Amino acid sequence: MVAMRACKALREDGGRCQSPPLLDGDFCLMHSPEHAEEMAEARRLGGLRRRREKAVSGAYAFEGLADVGQVRRLLEVAALDTLSLENSVARSRTLAYLAQVALKALEVGELAERIEALERLVAPRLEKAGKRR
């Protein structure tokens, strides 16, 4: 059996880092002294990206893509931005594509609402049937 090497760095809680070390060292990329500057820059850029995400999502009232309503909001933003562009074939194609995607999102949303309504109607019957057994 081959023993797996682990990074020799200690975590803030005092435990050992479990990441595999770089081939030429005792530390993983995150803890390697030779790569400290690279990792600091990566953390800085990550922080900038997160701040930018918050600013942009706030400006567009964008909350994510977790449900049909959020997807619809993204399509609205994309459509408004596209409408503000100069009239061109590319703009027309983009609007046509957005309309096609929006129709699909509306269809999915309608089906989800219908399924929820059916589940609300059926749930009491299923509960009664389960109690009779």
C-alpha atoms as a PDB file:
ATOM      1  CA  MET A   1       0.000   0.000   0.000  1.00  0.00           C
ATOM      2  CA  VAL A   2       1.317   3.463  -0.966  1.00  0.00           C
ATOM      3  CA  ALA A   3       1.271   6.045   1.808  1.00  0.00           C
ATOM      4  CA  MET A   4      -0.295   9.339   0.726  1.00  0.00           C
ATOM      5  CA  ARG A   5       1.775  12.392   1.561  1.00  0.00           C
ATOM      6  CA  ALA A   6       0.050  15.436   3.008  1.00  0.00           C
ATOM      7  CA  CYS A   7       0.995  19.087   3.214  1.00  0.00           C
ATOM      8  CA  LYS A   8       3.020  19.903   6.335  1.00  0.00           C
ATOM      9  CA  ALA A   9       1.231  23.201   6.998  1.00  0.00           C
ATOM     10  CA  LEU A  10      -0.998  23.643  10.024  1.00  0.00           C
ATOM     11  CA  ARG A  11      -4.504  25.028   9.672  1.00  0.00           C
ATOM     12  CA  GLU A  12      -5.856  27.807  11.889  1.00  0.00           C
ATOM     13  CA  ASP A  13      -7.564  25.191  14.096  1.00  0.00           C
ATOM     14  CA  GLY A  14      -4.197  23.460  14.670  1.00  0.00           C
ATOM     15  CA  GLY A  15      -4.958  20.474  12.452  1.00  0.00           C
ATOM     16  CA  ARG A  16      -2.835  19.431   9.513  1.00  0.00           C
ATOM     17  CA  CYS A  17      -3.659  20.543   5.970  1.00  0.00           C
ATOM     18  CA  GLN A  18      -4.834  17.421   4.140  1.00  0.00           C
ATOM     19  CA  SER A  19      -3.992  18.613   0.612  1.00  0.00           C
ATOM     20  CA  PRO A  20      -1.330  16.721  -1.293  1.00  0.00           C
ATOM     21  CA  PRO A  21       2.007  18.530  -1.430  1.00  0.00           C
ATOM     22  CA  LEU A  22       3.574  19.739  -4.640  1.00  0.00           C
ATOM     23  CA  LEU A  23       5.830  17.169  -6.291  1.00  0.00           C
ATOM     24  CA  ASP A  24       8.970  19.099  -5.434  1.00  0.00           C
ATOM     25  CA  GLY A  25       8.147  20.112  -1.876  1.00  0.00           C
ATOM     26  CA  ASP A  26       6.521  19.483   1.470  1.00  0.00           C
ATOM     27  CA  PHE A  27       3.652  21.972   1.091  1.00  0.00           C
ATOM     28  CA  CYS A  28       0.583  22.223  -1.116  1.00  0.00           C
ATOM     29  CA  LEU A  29       0.224  25.134  -3.526  1.00  0.00           C
ATOM     30  CA  MET A  30      -1.745  27.205  -0.991  1.00  0.00           C
ATOM     31  CA  HIS A  31       0.924  26.853   1.721  1.00  0.00           C
ATOM     32  CA  SER A  32       4.113  26.726  -0.344  1.00  0.00           C
ATOM     33  CA  PRO A  33       6.468  29.599   0.575  1.00  0.00           C
ATOM     34  CA  GLU A  34       7.718  29.622  -3.038  1.00  0.00           C
ATOM     35  CA  HIS A  35       4.191  30.354  -4.266  1.00  0.00           C
ATOM     36  CA  ALA A  36       3.150  32.832  -1.545  1.00  0.00           C
ATOM     37  CA  GLU A  37       3.035  35.826  -3.912  1.00  0.00           C
ATOM     38  CA  GLU A  38       0.943  33.944  -6.476  1.00  0.00           C
ATOM     39  CA  MET A  39      -1.515  32.835  -3.801  1.00  0.00           C
ATOM     40  CA  ALA A  40      -1.780  36.359  -2.359  1.00  0.00           C
ATOM     41  CA  GLU A  41      -2.569  37.697  -5.841  1.00  0.00           C
ATOM     42  CA  ALA A  42      -5.143  34.949  -6.412  1.00  0.00           C
ATOM     43  CA  ARG A  43      -6.864  35.816  -3.102  1.00  0.00           C
ATOM     44  CA  ARG A  44      -6.817  39.525  -4.001  1.00  0.00           C
ATOM     45  CA  LEU A  45      -8.362  38.852  -7.412  1.00  0.00           C
ATOM     46  CA  GLY A  46     -10.959  36.580  -5.834  1.00  0.00           C
ATOM     47  CA  GLY A  47     -11.951  39.373  -3.453  1.00  0.00           C
ATOM     48  CA  LEU A  48     -12.202  41.850  -6.333  1.00  0.00           C
ATOM     49  CA  ARG A  49     -14.390  39.440  -8.283  1.00  0.00           C
ATOM     50  CA  ARG A  50     -16.740  38.940  -5.322  1.00  0.00           C
ATOM     51  CA  ARG A  51     -17.040  42.709  -4.769  1.00  0.00           C
ATOM     52  CA  ARG A  52     -17.712  43.232  -8.484  1.00  0.00           C
ATOM     53  CA  GLU A  53     -20.329  40.452  -8.431  1.00  0.00           C
ATOM     54  CA  LYS A  54     -22.158  42.162  -5.563  1.00  0.00           C
ATOM     55  CA  ALA A  55     -22.069  45.544  -7.283  1.00  0.00           C
ATOM     56  CA  VAL A  56     -23.299  44.197 -10.618  1.00  0.00           C
ATOM     57  CA  SER A  57     -25.978  41.968  -9.096  1.00  0.00           C
ATOM     58  CA  GLY A  58     -27.215  44.926  -7.035  1.00  0.00           C
ATOM     59  CA  ALA A  59     -27.320  47.226 -10.054  1.00  0.00           C
ATOM     60  CA  TYR A  60     -29.380  44.719 -12.042  1.00  0.00           C
ATOM     61  CA  ALA A  61     -31.434  43.347  -9.128  1.00  0.00           C
ATOM     62  CA  PHE A  62     -30.024  39.933 -10.040  1.00  0.00           C
ATOM     63  CA  GLU A  63     -30.281  37.310  -7.312  1.00  0.00           C
ATOM     64  CA  GLY A  64     -29.065  34.187  -9.114  1.00  0.00           C
ATOM     65  CA  LEU A  65     -30.383  31.395 -11.305  1.00  0.00           C
ATOM     66  CA  ALA A  66     -31.989  29.167  -8.679  1.00  0.00           C
ATOM     67  CA  ASP A  67     -35.584  29.466  -9.872  1.00  0.00           C
ATOM     68  CA  VAL A  68     -37.657  30.405 -12.903  1.00  0.00           C
ATOM     69  CA  GLY A  69     -38.262  33.940 -11.614  1.00  0.00           C
ATOM     70  CA  GLN A  70     -34.540  34.600 -11.337  1.00  0.00           C
ATOM     71  CA  VAL A  71     -33.930  33.226 -14.836  1.00  0.00           C
ATOM     72  CA  ARG A  72     -36.712  35.475 -16.131  1.00  0.00           C
ATOM     73  CA  ARG A  73     -35.035  38.481 -14.511  1.00  0.00           C
ATOM     74  CA  LEU A  74     -31.740  37.667 -16.230  1.00  0.00           C
ATOM     75  CA  LEU A  75     -33.565  37.403 -19.570  1.00  0.00           C
ATOM     76  CA  GLU A  76     -35.209  40.785 -18.942  1.00  0.00           C
ATOM     77  CA  VAL A  77     -31.828  42.402 -18.267  1.00  0.00           C
ATOM     78  CA  ALA A  78     -30.326  40.777 -21.367  1.00  0.00           C
ATOM     79  CA  ALA A  79     -33.277  41.866 -23.512  1.00  0.00           C
ATOM     80  CA  LEU A  80     -33.116  45.468 -22.248  1.00  0.00           C
ATOM     81  CA  ASP A  81     -29.373  45.635 -22.828  1.00  0.00           C
ATOM     82  CA  THR A  82     -29.805  44.175 -26.321  1.00  0.00           C
ATOM     83  CA  LEU A  83     -32.621  46.599 -27.158  1.00  0.00           C
ATOM     84  CA  SER A  84     -30.324  49.488 -26.274  1.00  0.00           C
ATOM     85  CA  LEU A  85     -27.788  48.391 -28.907  1.00  0.00           C
ATOM     86  CA  GLU A  86     -27.644  49.833 -32.389  1.00  0.00           C
ATOM     87  CA  ASN A  87     -30.022  48.181 -34.846  1.00  0.00           C
ATOM     88  CA  SER A  88     -28.241  45.324 -36.640  1.00  0.00           C
ATOM     89  CA  VAL A  89     -28.655  41.742 -37.784  1.00  0.00           C
ATOM     90  CA  ALA A  90     -26.725  40.548 -34.719  1.00  0.00           C
ATOM     91  CA  ARG A  91     -29.093  42.496 -32.442  1.00  0.00           C
ATOM     92  CA  SER A  92     -32.109  40.957 -34.193  1.00  0.00           C
ATOM     93  CA  ARG A  93     -30.669  37.464 -33.834  1.00  0.00           C
ATOM     94  CA  THR A  94     -29.924  38.036 -30.168  1.00  0.00           C
ATOM     95  CA  LEU A  95     -33.453  39.314 -29.519  1.00  0.00           C
ATOM     96  CA  ALA A  96     -34.946  36.345 -31.381  1.00  0.00           C
ATOM     97  CA  TYR A  97     -32.830  33.959 -29.330  1.00  0.00           C
ATOM     98  CA  LEU A  98     -33.779  35.698 -26.065  1.00  0.00           C
ATOM     99  CA  ALA A  99     -37.452  35.502 -27.044  1.00  0.00           C
ATOM    100  CA  GLN A 100     -37.092  31.770 -27.710  1.00  0.00           C
ATOM    101  CA  VAL A 101     -35.406  31.201 -24.337  1.00  0.00           C
ATOM    102  CA  ALA A 102     -37.997  33.394 -22.586  1.00  0.00           C
ATOM    103  CA  LEU A 103     -40.839  31.352 -24.077  1.00  0.00           C
ATOM    104  CA  LYS A 104     -39.209  28.172 -22.772  1.00  0.00           C
ATOM    105  CA  ALA A 105     -38.792  29.766 -19.323  1.00  0.00           C
ATOM    106  CA  LEU A 106     -42.462  30.783 -19.325  1.00  0.00           C
ATOM    107  CA  GLU A 107     -43.464  27.257 -20.315  1.00  0.00           C
ATOM    108  CA  VAL A 108     -41.345  25.719 -17.550  1.00  0.00           C
ATOM    109  CA  GLY A 109     -42.715  28.203 -15.017  1.00  0.00           C
ATOM    110  CA  GLU A 110     -46.297  27.464 -16.036  1.00  0.00           C
ATOM    111  CA  LEU A 111     -45.728  23.716 -15.800  1.00  0.00           C
ATOM    112  CA  ALA A 112     -44.109  24.102 -12.375  1.00  0.00           C
ATOM    113  CA  GLU A 113     -47.119  26.102 -11.137  1.00  0.00           C
ATOM    114  CA  ARG A 114     -49.530  23.491 -12.490  1.00  0.00           C
ATOM    115  CA  ILE A 115     -47.604  20.663 -10.844  1.00  0.00           C
ATOM    116  CA  GLU A 116     -47.590  22.514  -7.510  1.00  0.00           C
ATOM    117  CA  ALA A 117     -51.356  23.041  -7.771  1.00  0.00           C
ATOM    118  CA  LEU A 118     -51.909  19.349  -8.511  1.00  0.00           C
ATOM    119  CA  GLU A 119     -49.671  18.334  -5.620  1.00  0.00           C
ATOM    120  CA  ARG A 120     -51.676  20.573  -3.255  1.00  0.00           C
ATOM    121  CA  LEU A 121     -54.888  18.879  -4.410  1.00  0.00           C
ATOM    122  CA  VAL A 122     -53.536  15.343  -4.172  1.00  0.00           C
ATOM    123  CA  ALA A 123     -51.602  15.674  -0.885  1.00  0.00           C
ATOM    124  CA  PRO A 124     -54.669  15.446   1.430  1.00  0.00           C
ATOM    125  CA  ARG A 125     -55.896  12.335  -0.411  1.00  0.00           C
ATOM    126  CA  LEU A 126     -52.503  10.684  -0.140  1.00  0.00           C
ATOM    127  CA  GLU A 127     -52.391  11.457   3.587  1.00  0.00           C
ATOM    128  CA  LYS A 128     -55.862   9.900   4.086  1.00  0.00           C
ATOM    129  CA  ALA A 129     -54.898   6.807   2.092  1.00  0.00           C
ATOM    130  CA  GLY A 130     -51.731   6.416   4.151  1.00  0.00           C
ATOM    131  CA  LYS A 131     -53.667   6.588   7.443  1.00  0.00           C
ATOM    132  CA  ARG A 132     -56.121   3.875   6.356  1.00  0.00           C
ATOM    133  CA  ARG A 133     -53.414   1.258   5.798  1.00  0.00           C
END
